[in-house]
Amino acid sequence: MNVVSVMKKLAVTGIVLALAVGVAWAGGQGGATLAGVPVFVVVVAAAFAIQWLAYIPAQLLHTERFFDATGSLTYLVITVALLTGLPDQGPRALALGVAVIVWAGRLGTFLFLRIRTSGSDSRFDAIKRSPLRFFNVWTLQGLWVTITASAAWIAMTSATQAPLTFSFFAGAALWAAGFVIEVTADAQKSRFRADPSQRKAFITTGLWSWSQHPNYFGEIVMWIGVALVAFPNLAGWQLVGLLSPVFVIVLLTRISGIPLLQRKAEATWGEDPAFQEYRRRTSLLIPMPPGVVSKAG
């Protein structure tokens, strides 16, 4: 590994940590403290510490098999700790905690079972060969956990615990709708993949006939709902927590979600006329009746 390559990877680490420090500082303003340190700062430090501890055996074994499980476990451990360790939490904080726990528990189980079935995750084939690059992936997961959960965790640790208003019920309804959409889409695709005759085919049924990525749509709707529930508990610098749904949207639509899957699908089925027709007729993200997109175009 040459010096330039090492410096680039170290720069990535530095940028990620700088972002995390900024979010931790802003989100910790006006919140509960532990020995004089804002609880949210402790939470962010714990999120990264868990990733780095898990990286050690992962690197020694050259495996990514418990990468996703570690991310989900981080959400669960920290959220449970906040629910049980902070006094005088209002109904918004309690609801946010339950929402994160339910989501993380379901997603972690789903991802664990998926990788156990597949045996590996092709995204890591090249990454695992470089210890520093592999370390950066775990560090990035710490940032993903931090920013994604920031609205919920900041609201839970905030000194402001607002009473229930319309925003709570609207946000809770959005979260529930998004959760149902994501779970349904994942279940439909799992059943499709379980059929040996469909192993090399692409799914076009159920919610997947209305959207090419319905699970991601559900994920986005969920975190918008979480932000809406959390918003009244946020003030001043704590509003950095509203980056949560923005981050999820950008991540899934511009970085590691849809773009990666679209390139993989194009490489696999790009020459298939049926696949091209499916793409032409089906909304990329927001569910719409089949054919509406092509008619609009």
C-alpha atoms as a PDB file:
ATOM      1  CA  MET A   1       0.000   0.000   0.000  1.00  0.00           C
ATOM      2  CA  ASN A   2       1.604   3.291  -1.078  1.00  0.00           C
ATOM      3  CA  VAL A   3       1.800   6.433   1.020  1.00  0.00           C
ATOM      4  CA  VAL A   4      -0.731   8.365  -1.082  1.00  0.00           C
ATOM      5  CA  SER A   5      -3.295   5.598  -0.718  1.00  0.00           C
ATOM      6  CA  VAL A   6      -2.782   5.468   3.055  1.00  0.00           C
ATOM      7  CA  MET A   7      -3.117   9.239   3.353  1.00  0.00           C
ATOM      8  CA  LYS A   8      -6.383   9.200   1.391  1.00  0.00           C
ATOM      9  CA  LYS A   9      -7.837   6.540   3.656  1.00  0.00           C
ATOM     10  CA  LEU A  10      -6.703   8.399   6.758  1.00  0.00           C
ATOM     11  CA  ALA A  11      -8.298  11.556   5.355  1.00  0.00           C
ATOM     12  CA  VAL A  12     -11.603   9.708   5.026  1.00  0.00           C
ATOM     13  CA  THR A  13     -11.316   8.619   8.650  1.00  0.00           C
ATOM     14  CA  GLY A  14     -10.609  12.179   9.734  1.00  0.00           C
ATOM     15  CA  ILE A  15     -13.545  13.639   7.796  1.00  0.00           C
ATOM     16  CA  VAL A  16     -15.949  11.054   9.197  1.00  0.00           C
ATOM     17  CA  LEU A  17     -14.801  11.686  12.760  1.00  0.00           C
ATOM     18  CA  ALA A  18     -14.973  15.461  12.289  1.00  0.00           C
ATOM     19  CA  LEU A  19     -18.582  15.157  11.119  1.00  0.00           C
ATOM     20  CA  ALA A  20     -19.398  12.925  14.067  1.00  0.00           C
ATOM     21  CA  VAL A  21     -17.836  15.374  16.536  1.00  0.00           C
ATOM     22  CA  GLY A  22     -19.847  18.225  15.027  1.00  0.00           C
ATOM     23  CA  VAL A  23     -23.119  16.332  15.253  1.00  0.00           C
ATOM     24  CA  ALA A  24     -22.308  15.171  18.794  1.00  0.00           C
ATOM     25  CA  TRP A  25     -21.507  18.694  19.977  1.00  0.00           C
ATOM     26  CA  ALA A  26     -24.600  20.259  18.372  1.00  0.00           C
ATOM     27  CA  GLY A  27     -26.978  17.504  19.456  1.00  0.00           C
ATOM     28  CA  GLY A  28     -25.665  17.586  23.015  1.00  0.00           C
ATOM     29  CA  GLN A  29     -26.542  21.237  23.567  1.00  0.00           C
ATOM     30  CA  GLY A  30     -29.454  21.659  25.952  1.00  0.00           C
ATOM     31  CA  GLY A  31     -29.661  17.975  26.781  1.00  0.00           C
ATOM     32  CA  ALA A  32     -29.128  15.677  29.736  1.00  0.00           C
ATOM     33  CA  THR A  33     -25.564  15.277  31.007  1.00  0.00           C
ATOM     34  CA  LEU A  34     -23.543  12.470  32.563  1.00  0.00           C
ATOM     35  CA  ALA A  35     -20.713  13.627  34.863  1.00  0.00           C
ATOM     36  CA  GLY A  36     -20.880  16.982  33.112  1.00  0.00           C
ATOM     37  CA  VAL A  37     -20.708  15.487  29.604  1.00  0.00           C
ATOM     38  CA  PRO A  38     -23.792  15.698  27.354  1.00  0.00           C
ATOM     39  CA  VAL A  39     -25.421  12.273  27.133  1.00  0.00           C
ATOM     40  CA  PHE A  40     -25.705  12.553  23.367  1.00  0.00           C
ATOM     41  CA  VAL A  41     -21.928  12.997  23.133  1.00  0.00           C
ATOM     42  CA  VAL A  42     -21.509   9.798  25.151  1.00  0.00           C
ATOM     43  CA  VAL A  43     -24.000   8.082  22.847  1.00  0.00           C
ATOM     44  CA  VAL A  44     -22.070   9.049  19.706  1.00  0.00           C
ATOM     45  CA  ALA A  45     -18.785   7.898  21.254  1.00  0.00           C
ATOM     46  CA  ALA A  46     -20.414   4.573  22.158  1.00  0.00           C
ATOM     47  CA  ALA A  47     -21.757   4.116  18.617  1.00  0.00           C
ATOM     48  CA  PHE A  48     -18.242   4.377  17.189  1.00  0.00           C
ATOM     49  CA  ALA A  49     -16.650   2.323  19.965  1.00  0.00           C
ATOM     50  CA  ILE A  50     -18.982  -0.595  19.238  1.00  0.00           C
ATOM     51  CA  GLN A  51     -18.019  -0.551  15.547  1.00  0.00           C
ATOM     52  CA  TRP A  52     -14.295  -0.442  16.300  1.00  0.00           C
ATOM     53  CA  LEU A  53     -14.523  -3.283  18.795  1.00  0.00           C
ATOM     54  CA  ALA A  54     -16.419  -5.402  16.268  1.00  0.00           C
ATOM     55  CA  TYR A  55     -13.862  -4.541  13.569  1.00  0.00           C
ATOM     56  CA  ILE A  56     -11.096  -6.367  15.465  1.00  0.00           C
ATOM     57  CA  PRO A  57     -12.473  -9.927  15.119  1.00  0.00           C
ATOM     58  CA  ALA A  58     -13.898  -9.063  11.691  1.00  0.00           C
ATOM     59  CA  GLN A  59     -10.429  -8.125  10.458  1.00  0.00           C
ATOM     60  CA  LEU A  60      -8.763 -11.104  12.090  1.00  0.00           C
ATOM     61  CA  LEU A  61     -11.277 -13.456  10.474  1.00  0.00           C
ATOM     62  CA  HIS A  62     -11.556 -11.444   7.222  1.00  0.00           C
ATOM     63  CA  THR A  63     -15.322 -11.577   7.422  1.00  0.00           C
ATOM     64  CA  GLU A  64     -18.207  -9.167   7.012  1.00  0.00           C
ATOM     65  CA  ARG A  65     -20.778 -11.644   8.275  1.00  0.00           C
ATOM     66  CA  PHE A  66     -21.627  -9.684  11.420  1.00  0.00           C
ATOM     67  CA  PHE A  67     -21.241  -6.188   9.940  1.00  0.00           C
ATOM     68  CA  ASP A  68     -24.961  -5.514   9.490  1.00  0.00           C
ATOM     69  CA  ALA A  69     -25.797  -7.243  12.761  1.00  0.00           C
ATOM     70  CA  THR A  70     -23.364  -4.951  14.588  1.00  0.00           C
ATOM     71  CA  GLY A  71     -25.037  -1.874  13.146  1.00  0.00           C
ATOM     72  CA  SER A  72     -28.455  -3.047  14.258  1.00  0.00           C
ATOM     73  CA  LEU A  73     -27.122  -4.086  17.662  1.00  0.00           C
ATOM     74  CA  THR A  74     -25.699  -0.588  18.137  1.00  0.00           C
ATOM     75  CA  TYR A  75     -29.126   0.964  17.636  1.00  0.00           C
ATOM     76  CA  LEU A  76     -30.662  -1.524  20.058  1.00  0.00           C
ATOM     77  CA  VAL A  77     -28.061  -1.261  22.833  1.00  0.00           C
ATOM     78  CA  ILE A  78     -27.922   2.521  22.855  1.00  0.00           C
ATOM     79  CA  THR A  79     -31.673   3.039  22.586  1.00  0.00           C
ATOM     80  CA  VAL A  80     -32.410   0.564  25.379  1.00  0.00           C
ATOM     81  CA  ALA A  81     -29.761   2.274  27.526  1.00  0.00           C
ATOM     82  CA  LEU A  82     -31.399   5.665  26.942  1.00  0.00           C
ATOM     83  CA  LEU A  83     -34.879   4.348  27.702  1.00  0.00           C
ATOM     84  CA  THR A  84     -33.799   2.704  30.942  1.00  0.00           C
ATOM     85  CA  GLY A  85     -31.167   5.165  32.098  1.00  0.00           C
ATOM     86  CA  LEU A  86     -32.771   8.583  31.659  1.00  0.00           C
ATOM     87  CA  PRO A  87     -35.412   9.847  34.101  1.00  0.00           C
ATOM     88  CA  ASP A  88     -38.448  11.999  33.325  1.00  0.00           C
ATOM     89  CA  GLN A  89     -38.769  11.063  29.672  1.00  0.00           C
ATOM     90  CA  GLY A  90     -41.971  12.176  28.007  1.00  0.00           C
ATOM     91  CA  PRO A  91     -44.232  10.143  25.730  1.00  0.00           C
ATOM     92  CA  ARG A  92     -42.403  11.352  22.622  1.00  0.00           C
ATOM     93  CA  ALA A  93     -39.097   9.991  23.903  1.00  0.00           C
ATOM     94  CA  LEU A  94     -40.688   6.685  24.833  1.00  0.00           C
ATOM     95  CA  ALA A  95     -42.366   6.353  21.437  1.00  0.00           C
ATOM     96  CA  LEU A  96     -39.135   7.223  19.626  1.00  0.00           C
ATOM     97  CA  GLY A  97     -37.249   4.624  21.623  1.00  0.00           C
ATOM     98  CA  VAL A  98     -39.785   1.919  20.820  1.00  0.00           C
ATOM     99  CA  ALA A  99     -39.778   2.894  17.121  1.00  0.00           C
ATOM    100  CA  VAL A 100     -35.998   2.598  16.855  1.00  0.00           C
ATOM    101  CA  ILE A 101     -35.933  -0.704  18.756  1.00  0.00           C
ATOM    102  CA  VAL A 102     -38.667  -2.283  16.627  1.00  0.00           C
ATOM    103  CA  TRP A 103     -37.061  -1.099  13.389  1.00  0.00           C
ATOM    104  CA  ALA A 104     -33.516  -2.144  14.332  1.00  0.00           C
ATOM    105  CA  GLY A 105     -34.607  -5.510  15.704  1.00  0.00           C
ATOM    106  CA  ARG A 106     -36.558  -6.356  12.572  1.00  0.00           C
ATOM    107  CA  LEU A 107     -33.896  -5.101  10.147  1.00  0.00           C
ATOM    108  CA  GLY A 108     -31.033  -6.742  12.017  1.00  0.00           C
ATOM    109  CA  THR A 109     -32.792 -10.102  12.012  1.00  0.00           C
ATOM    110  CA  PHE A 110     -33.647  -9.792   8.320  1.00  0.00           C
ATOM    111  CA  LEU A 111     -30.073  -8.893   7.304  1.00  0.00           C
ATOM    112  CA  PHE A 112     -28.532 -11.575   9.512  1.00  0.00           C
ATOM    113  CA  LEU A 113     -30.727 -14.281   8.009  1.00  0.00           C
ATOM    114  CA  ARG A 114     -30.036 -12.991   4.502  1.00  0.00           C
ATOM    115  CA  ILE A 115     -26.250 -13.125   4.826  1.00  0.00           C
ATOM    116  CA  ARG A 116     -26.440 -16.500   6.575  1.00  0.00           C
ATOM    117  CA  THR A 117     -28.279 -17.798   3.523  1.00  0.00           C
ATOM    118  CA  SER A 118     -26.012 -16.145   0.947  1.00  0.00           C
ATOM    119  CA  GLY A 119     -22.798 -16.800   2.906  1.00  0.00           C
ATOM    120  CA  SER A 120     -21.168 -13.466   2.043  1.00  0.00           C
ATOM    121  CA  ASP A 121     -21.725  -9.911   0.900  1.00  0.00           C
ATOM    122  CA  SER A 122     -20.097  -9.165  -2.456  1.00  0.00           C
ATOM    123  CA  ARG A 123     -19.748  -5.466  -1.546  1.00  0.00           C
ATOM    124  CA  PHE A 124     -16.885  -6.432   0.779  1.00  0.00           C
ATOM    125  CA  ASP A 125     -14.878  -8.681  -1.558  1.00  0.00           C
ATOM    126  CA  ALA A 126     -12.296  -6.006  -2.424  1.00  0.00           C
ATOM    127  CA  ILE A 127     -12.658  -3.956   0.771  1.00  0.00           C
ATOM    128  CA  LYS A 128     -11.606  -6.808   3.069  1.00  0.00           C
ATOM    129  CA  ARG A 129      -8.199  -6.994   1.402  1.00  0.00           C
ATOM    130  CA  SER A 130      -7.206  -3.615   2.867  1.00  0.00           C
ATOM    131  CA  PRO A 131      -7.259  -3.397   6.694  1.00  0.00           C
ATOM    132  CA  LEU A 132      -7.463   0.401   6.664  1.00  0.00           C
ATOM    133  CA  ARG A 133     -10.197   0.495   4.043  1.00  0.00           C
ATOM    134  CA  PHE A 134     -12.101  -2.172   5.955  1.00  0.00           C
ATOM    135  CA  PHE A 135     -11.666  -0.116   9.142  1.00  0.00           C
ATOM    136  CA  ASN A 136     -13.106   2.917   7.372  1.00  0.00           C
ATOM    137  CA  VAL A 137     -16.219   0.945   6.442  1.00  0.00           C
ATOM    138  CA  TRP A 138     -16.831   0.197  10.118  1.00  0.00           C
ATOM    139  CA  THR A 139     -16.123   3.841  10.981  1.00  0.00           C
ATOM    140  CA  LEU A 140     -18.611   4.948   8.331  1.00  0.00           C
ATOM    141  CA  GLN A 141     -21.163   2.635   9.899  1.00  0.00           C
ATOM    142  CA  GLY A 142     -20.651   4.539  13.150  1.00  0.00           C
ATOM    143  CA  LEU A 143     -21.507   7.765  11.301  1.00  0.00           C
ATOM    144  CA  TRP A 144     -24.505   6.105   9.638  1.00  0.00           C
ATOM    145  CA  VAL A 145     -25.860   4.983  13.000  1.00  0.00           C
ATOM    146  CA  THR A 146     -25.192   8.383  14.582  1.00  0.00           C
ATOM    147  CA  ILE A 147     -26.862  10.549  11.957  1.00  0.00           C
ATOM    148  CA  THR A 148     -29.734   8.184  11.161  1.00  0.00           C
ATOM    149  CA  ALA A 149     -30.739   7.911  14.832  1.00  0.00           C
ATOM    150  CA  SER A 150     -29.834  11.515  15.703  1.00  0.00           C
ATOM    151  CA  ALA A 151     -33.382  12.920  15.650  1.00  0.00           C
ATOM    152  CA  ALA A 152     -34.616  10.174  17.974  1.00  0.00           C
ATOM    153  CA  TRP A 153     -31.614  10.126  20.304  1.00  0.00           C
ATOM    154  CA  ILE A 154     -31.321  13.903  20.615  1.00  0.00           C
ATOM    155  CA  ALA A 155     -35.050  14.169  21.342  1.00  0.00           C
ATOM    156  CA  MET A 156     -34.765  11.418  23.943  1.00  0.00           C
ATOM    157  CA  THR A 157     -31.872  13.167  25.730  1.00  0.00           C
ATOM    158  CA  SER A 158     -33.284  16.691  25.370  1.00  0.00           C
ATOM    159  CA  ALA A 159     -34.232  18.779  28.389  1.00  0.00           C
ATOM    160  CA  THR A 160     -37.351  19.730  26.429  1.00  0.00           C
ATOM    161  CA  GLN A 161     -39.997  17.005  26.530  1.00  0.00           C
ATOM    162  CA  ALA A 162     -42.972  18.398  24.626  1.00  0.00           C
ATOM    163  CA  PRO A 163     -46.530  17.130  25.197  1.00  0.00           C
ATOM    164  CA  LEU A 164     -48.359  15.177  22.536  1.00  0.00           C
ATOM    165  CA  THR A 165     -49.673  17.253  19.653  1.00  0.00           C
ATOM    166  CA  PHE A 166     -50.733  16.644  16.059  1.00  0.00           C
ATOM    167  CA  SER A 167     -47.095  16.240  14.977  1.00  0.00           C
ATOM    168  CA  PHE A 168     -46.756  13.203  17.220  1.00  0.00           C
ATOM    169  CA  PHE A 169     -49.704  11.353  15.704  1.00  0.00           C
ATOM    170  CA  ALA A 170     -48.813  12.396  12.154  1.00  0.00           C
ATOM    171  CA  GLY A 171     -45.229  11.252  12.625  1.00  0.00           C
ATOM    172  CA  ALA A 172     -46.289   7.998  14.258  1.00  0.00           C
ATOM    173  CA  ALA A 173     -48.657   7.290  11.349  1.00  0.00           C
ATOM    174  CA  LEU A 174     -45.874   7.922   8.833  1.00  0.00           C
ATOM    175  CA  TRP A 175     -43.502   5.650  10.740  1.00  0.00           C
ATOM    176  CA  ALA A 176     -46.102   2.868  10.865  1.00  0.00           C
ATOM    177  CA  ALA A 177     -46.876   3.194   7.154  1.00  0.00           C
ATOM    178  CA  GLY A 178     -43.198   3.155   6.224  1.00  0.00           C
ATOM    179  CA  PHE A 179     -42.525   0.167   8.461  1.00  0.00           C
ATOM    180  CA  VAL A 180     -45.357  -1.851   6.901  1.00  0.00           C
ATOM    181  CA  ILE A 181     -44.158  -0.986   3.389  1.00  0.00           C
ATOM    182  CA  GLU A 182     -40.550  -1.944   4.122  1.00  0.00           C
ATOM    183  CA  VAL A 183     -41.418  -5.198   5.888  1.00  0.00           C
ATOM    184  CA  THR A 184     -43.889  -6.195   3.168  1.00  0.00           C
ATOM    185  CA  ALA A 185     -41.427  -5.429   0.363  1.00  0.00           C
ATOM    186  CA  ASP A 186     -38.625  -7.369   2.053  1.00  0.00           C
ATOM    187  CA  ALA A 187     -40.914 -10.340   2.705  1.00  0.00           C
ATOM    188  CA  GLN A 188     -42.125 -10.387  -0.891  1.00  0.00           C
ATOM    189  CA  LYS A 189     -38.576 -10.351  -2.237  1.00  0.00           C
ATOM    190  CA  SER A 190     -37.440 -13.035   0.213  1.00  0.00           C
ATOM    191  CA  ARG A 191     -40.259 -15.333  -0.910  1.00  0.00           C
ATOM    192  CA  PHE A 192     -39.401 -14.605  -4.538  1.00  0.00           C
ATOM    193  CA  ARG A 193     -35.718 -15.426  -4.006  1.00  0.00           C
ATOM    194  CA  ALA A 194     -36.589 -18.604  -2.087  1.00  0.00           C
ATOM    195  CA  ASP A 195     -38.134 -20.066  -5.248  1.00  0.00           C
ATOM    196  CA  PRO A 196     -35.272 -21.912  -7.029  1.00  0.00           C
ATOM    197  CA  SER A 197     -36.811 -21.135 -10.407  1.00  0.00           C
ATOM    198  CA  GLN A 198     -36.544 -17.390  -9.696  1.00  0.00           C
ATOM    199  CA  ARG A 199     -32.930 -17.270  -8.473  1.00  0.00           C
ATOM    200  CA  LYS A 200     -31.699 -15.436 -11.579  1.00  0.00           C
ATOM    201  CA  ALA A 201     -34.884 -13.492 -12.291  1.00  0.00           C
ATOM    202  CA  PHE A 202     -35.919  -9.984 -11.219  1.00  0.00           C
ATOM    203  CA  ILE A 203     -39.028  -9.394  -9.126  1.00  0.00           C
ATOM    204  CA  THR A 204     -41.964  -7.560 -10.692  1.00  0.00           C
ATOM    205  CA  THR A 205     -44.804  -8.588  -8.397  1.00  0.00           C
ATOM    206  CA  GLY A 206     -46.453  -7.151  -5.282  1.00  0.00           C
ATOM    207  CA  LEU A 207     -45.118  -3.773  -4.183  1.00  0.00           C
ATOM    208  CA  TRP A 208     -42.264  -4.296  -6.658  1.00  0.00           C
ATOM    209  CA  SER A 209     -44.750  -3.825  -9.497  1.00  0.00           C
ATOM    210  CA  TRP A 210     -45.409  -0.306  -8.166  1.00  0.00           C
ATOM    211  CA  SER A 211     -41.829   0.658  -7.323  1.00  0.00           C
ATOM    212  CA  GLN A 212     -38.378  -0.626  -8.248  1.00  0.00           C
ATOM    213  CA  HIS A 213     -37.266   0.006  -4.656  1.00  0.00           C
ATOM    214  CA  PRO A 214     -40.331  -0.070  -2.360  1.00  0.00           C
ATOM    215  CA  ASN A 215     -38.273  -1.125   0.673  1.00  0.00           C
ATOM    216  CA  TYR A 216     -36.186   2.045   0.398  1.00  0.00           C
ATOM    217  CA  PHE A 217     -39.327   4.139   0.056  1.00  0.00           C
ATOM    218  CA  GLY A 218     -40.625   2.619   3.282  1.00  0.00           C
ATOM    219  CA  GLU A 219     -37.308   3.311   5.015  1.00  0.00           C
ATOM    220  CA  ILE A 220     -37.393   6.968   4.009  1.00  0.00           C
ATOM    221  CA  VAL A 221     -41.007   7.414   5.128  1.00  0.00           C
ATOM    222  CA  MET A 222     -40.162   5.857   8.514  1.00  0.00           C
ATOM    223  CA  TRP A 223     -37.341   8.294   9.268  1.00  0.00           C
ATOM    224  CA  ILE A 224     -39.404  11.273   8.148  1.00  0.00           C
ATOM    225  CA  GLY A 225     -41.990  10.084  10.662  1.00  0.00           C
ATOM    226  CA  VAL A 226     -39.351   9.794  13.395  1.00  0.00           C
ATOM    227  CA  ALA A 227     -38.141  13.341  12.693  1.00  0.00           C
ATOM    228  CA  LEU A 228     -41.699  14.658  12.860  1.00  0.00           C
ATOM    229  CA  VAL A 229     -42.270  13.010  16.240  1.00  0.00           C
ATOM    230  CA  ALA A 230     -38.909  14.280  17.532  1.00  0.00           C
ATOM    231  CA  PHE A 231     -39.137  17.862  16.237  1.00  0.00           C
ATOM    232  CA  PRO A 232     -40.992  19.490  19.180  1.00  0.00           C
ATOM    233  CA  ASN A 233     -38.294  18.203  21.568  1.00  0.00           C
ATOM    234  CA  LEU A 234     -35.529  19.892  19.569  1.00  0.00           C
ATOM    235  CA  ALA A 235     -34.320  23.466  19.983  1.00  0.00           C
ATOM    236  CA  GLY A 236     -31.330  25.497  18.846  1.00  0.00           C
ATOM    237  CA  TRP A 237     -28.335  23.395  17.857  1.00  0.00           C
ATOM    238  CA  GLN A 238     -30.347  20.244  18.586  1.00  0.00           C
ATOM    239  CA  LEU A 239     -32.109  20.806  15.270  1.00  0.00           C
ATOM    240  CA  VAL A 240     -29.087  19.109  13.713  1.00  0.00           C
ATOM    241  CA  GLY A 241     -31.144  15.967  14.365  1.00  0.00           C
ATOM    242  CA  LEU A 242     -33.341  16.923  11.422  1.00  0.00           C
ATOM    243  CA  LEU A 243     -30.446  15.866   9.214  1.00  0.00           C
ATOM    244  CA  SER A 244     -31.593  12.304   9.915  1.00  0.00           C
ATOM    245  CA  PRO A 245     -34.230  11.930   7.158  1.00  0.00           C
ATOM    246  CA  VAL A 246     -32.185  14.083   4.765  1.00  0.00           C
ATOM    247  CA  PHE A 247     -29.195  11.802   5.320  1.00  0.00           C
ATOM    248  CA  VAL A 248     -31.305   8.676   4.768  1.00  0.00           C
ATOM    249  CA  ILE A 249     -32.750  10.101   1.537  1.00  0.00           C
ATOM    250  CA  VAL A 250     -29.335  11.098   0.146  1.00  0.00           C
ATOM    251  CA  LEU A 251     -27.740   7.816   1.203  1.00  0.00           C
ATOM    252  CA  LEU A 252     -30.416   5.629  -0.369  1.00  0.00           C
ATOM    253  CA  THR A 253     -31.032   7.634  -3.546  1.00  0.00           C
ATOM    254  CA  ARG A 254     -27.588   9.040  -4.339  1.00  0.00           C
ATOM    255  CA  ILE A 255     -24.842   6.973  -2.671  1.00  0.00           C
ATOM    256  CA  SER A 256     -25.107   3.371  -1.508  1.00  0.00           C
ATOM    257  CA  GLY A 257     -28.705   2.371  -2.094  1.00  0.00           C
ATOM    258  CA  ILE A 258     -30.418   2.784  -5.442  1.00  0.00           C
ATOM    259  CA  PRO A 259     -27.305   3.685  -7.518  1.00  0.00           C
ATOM    260  CA  LEU A 260     -25.457   0.507  -6.517  1.00  0.00           C
ATOM    261  CA  LEU A 261     -28.453  -1.729  -7.104  1.00  0.00           C
ATOM    262  CA  GLN A 262     -29.266  -0.067 -10.425  1.00  0.00           C
ATOM    263  CA  ARG A 263     -25.727  -0.670 -11.702  1.00  0.00           C
ATOM    264  CA  LYS A 264     -25.830  -4.277 -10.520  1.00  0.00           C
ATOM    265  CA  ALA A 265     -29.241  -4.843 -12.139  1.00  0.00           C
ATOM    266  CA  GLU A 266     -28.085  -3.275 -15.395  1.00  0.00           C
ATOM    267  CA  ALA A 267     -25.038  -5.544 -15.452  1.00  0.00           C
ATOM    268  CA  THR A 268     -27.218  -8.600 -14.816  1.00  0.00           C
ATOM    269  CA  TRP A 269     -30.354  -7.971 -16.886  1.00  0.00           C
ATOM    270  CA  GLY A 270     -29.486  -4.931 -18.980  1.00  0.00           C
ATOM    271  CA  GLU A 271     -29.856  -6.808 -22.263  1.00  0.00           C
ATOM    272  CA  ASP A 272     -33.203  -8.337 -21.275  1.00  0.00           C
ATOM    273  CA  PRO A 273     -36.088  -6.545 -23.066  1.00  0.00           C
ATOM    274  CA  ALA A 274     -38.469  -7.530 -20.252  1.00  0.00           C
ATOM    275  CA  PHE A 275     -36.224  -5.822 -17.713  1.00  0.00           C
ATOM    276  CA  GLN A 276     -35.993  -2.667 -19.803  1.00  0.00           C
ATOM    277  CA  GLU A 277     -39.795  -2.642 -20.092  1.00  0.00           C
ATOM    278  CA  TYR A 278     -40.116  -3.116 -16.312  1.00  0.00           C
ATOM    279  CA  ARG A 279     -37.853  -0.136 -15.718  1.00  0.00           C
ATOM    280  CA  ARG A 280     -39.751   1.959 -18.236  1.00  0.00           C
ATOM    281  CA  ARG A 281     -43.159   1.211 -16.694  1.00  0.00           C
ATOM    282  CA  THR A 282     -42.225   1.200 -12.992  1.00  0.00           C
ATOM    283  CA  SER A 283     -41.525   4.133 -10.698  1.00  0.00           C
ATOM    284  CA  LEU A 284     -37.931   4.229  -9.432  1.00  0.00           C
ATOM    285  CA  LEU A 285     -38.864   4.925  -5.792  1.00  0.00           C
ATOM    286  CA  ILE A 286     -42.322   6.329  -4.986  1.00  0.00           C
ATOM    287  CA  PRO A 287     -44.939   3.586  -5.479  1.00  0.00           C
ATOM    288  CA  MET A 288     -47.268   4.270  -8.406  1.00  0.00           C
ATOM    289  CA  PRO A 289     -49.666   2.048 -10.352  1.00  0.00           C
ATOM    290  CA  PRO A 290     -47.851   0.079 -13.094  1.00  0.00           C
ATOM    291  CA  GLY A 291     -47.627   2.001 -16.354  1.00  0.00           C
ATOM    292  CA  VAL A 292     -48.258   5.446 -14.876  1.00  0.00           C
ATOM    293  CA  VAL A 293     -44.582   6.416 -15.242  1.00  0.00           C
ATOM    294  CA  SER A 294     -44.348   5.453 -18.902  1.00  0.00           C
ATOM    295  CA  LYS A 295     -47.650   7.188 -19.669  1.00  0.00           C
ATOM    296  CA  ALA A 296     -46.454  10.340 -17.934  1.00  0.00           C
ATOM    297  CA  GLY A 297     -43.230  10.188 -19.935  1.00  0.00           C
END
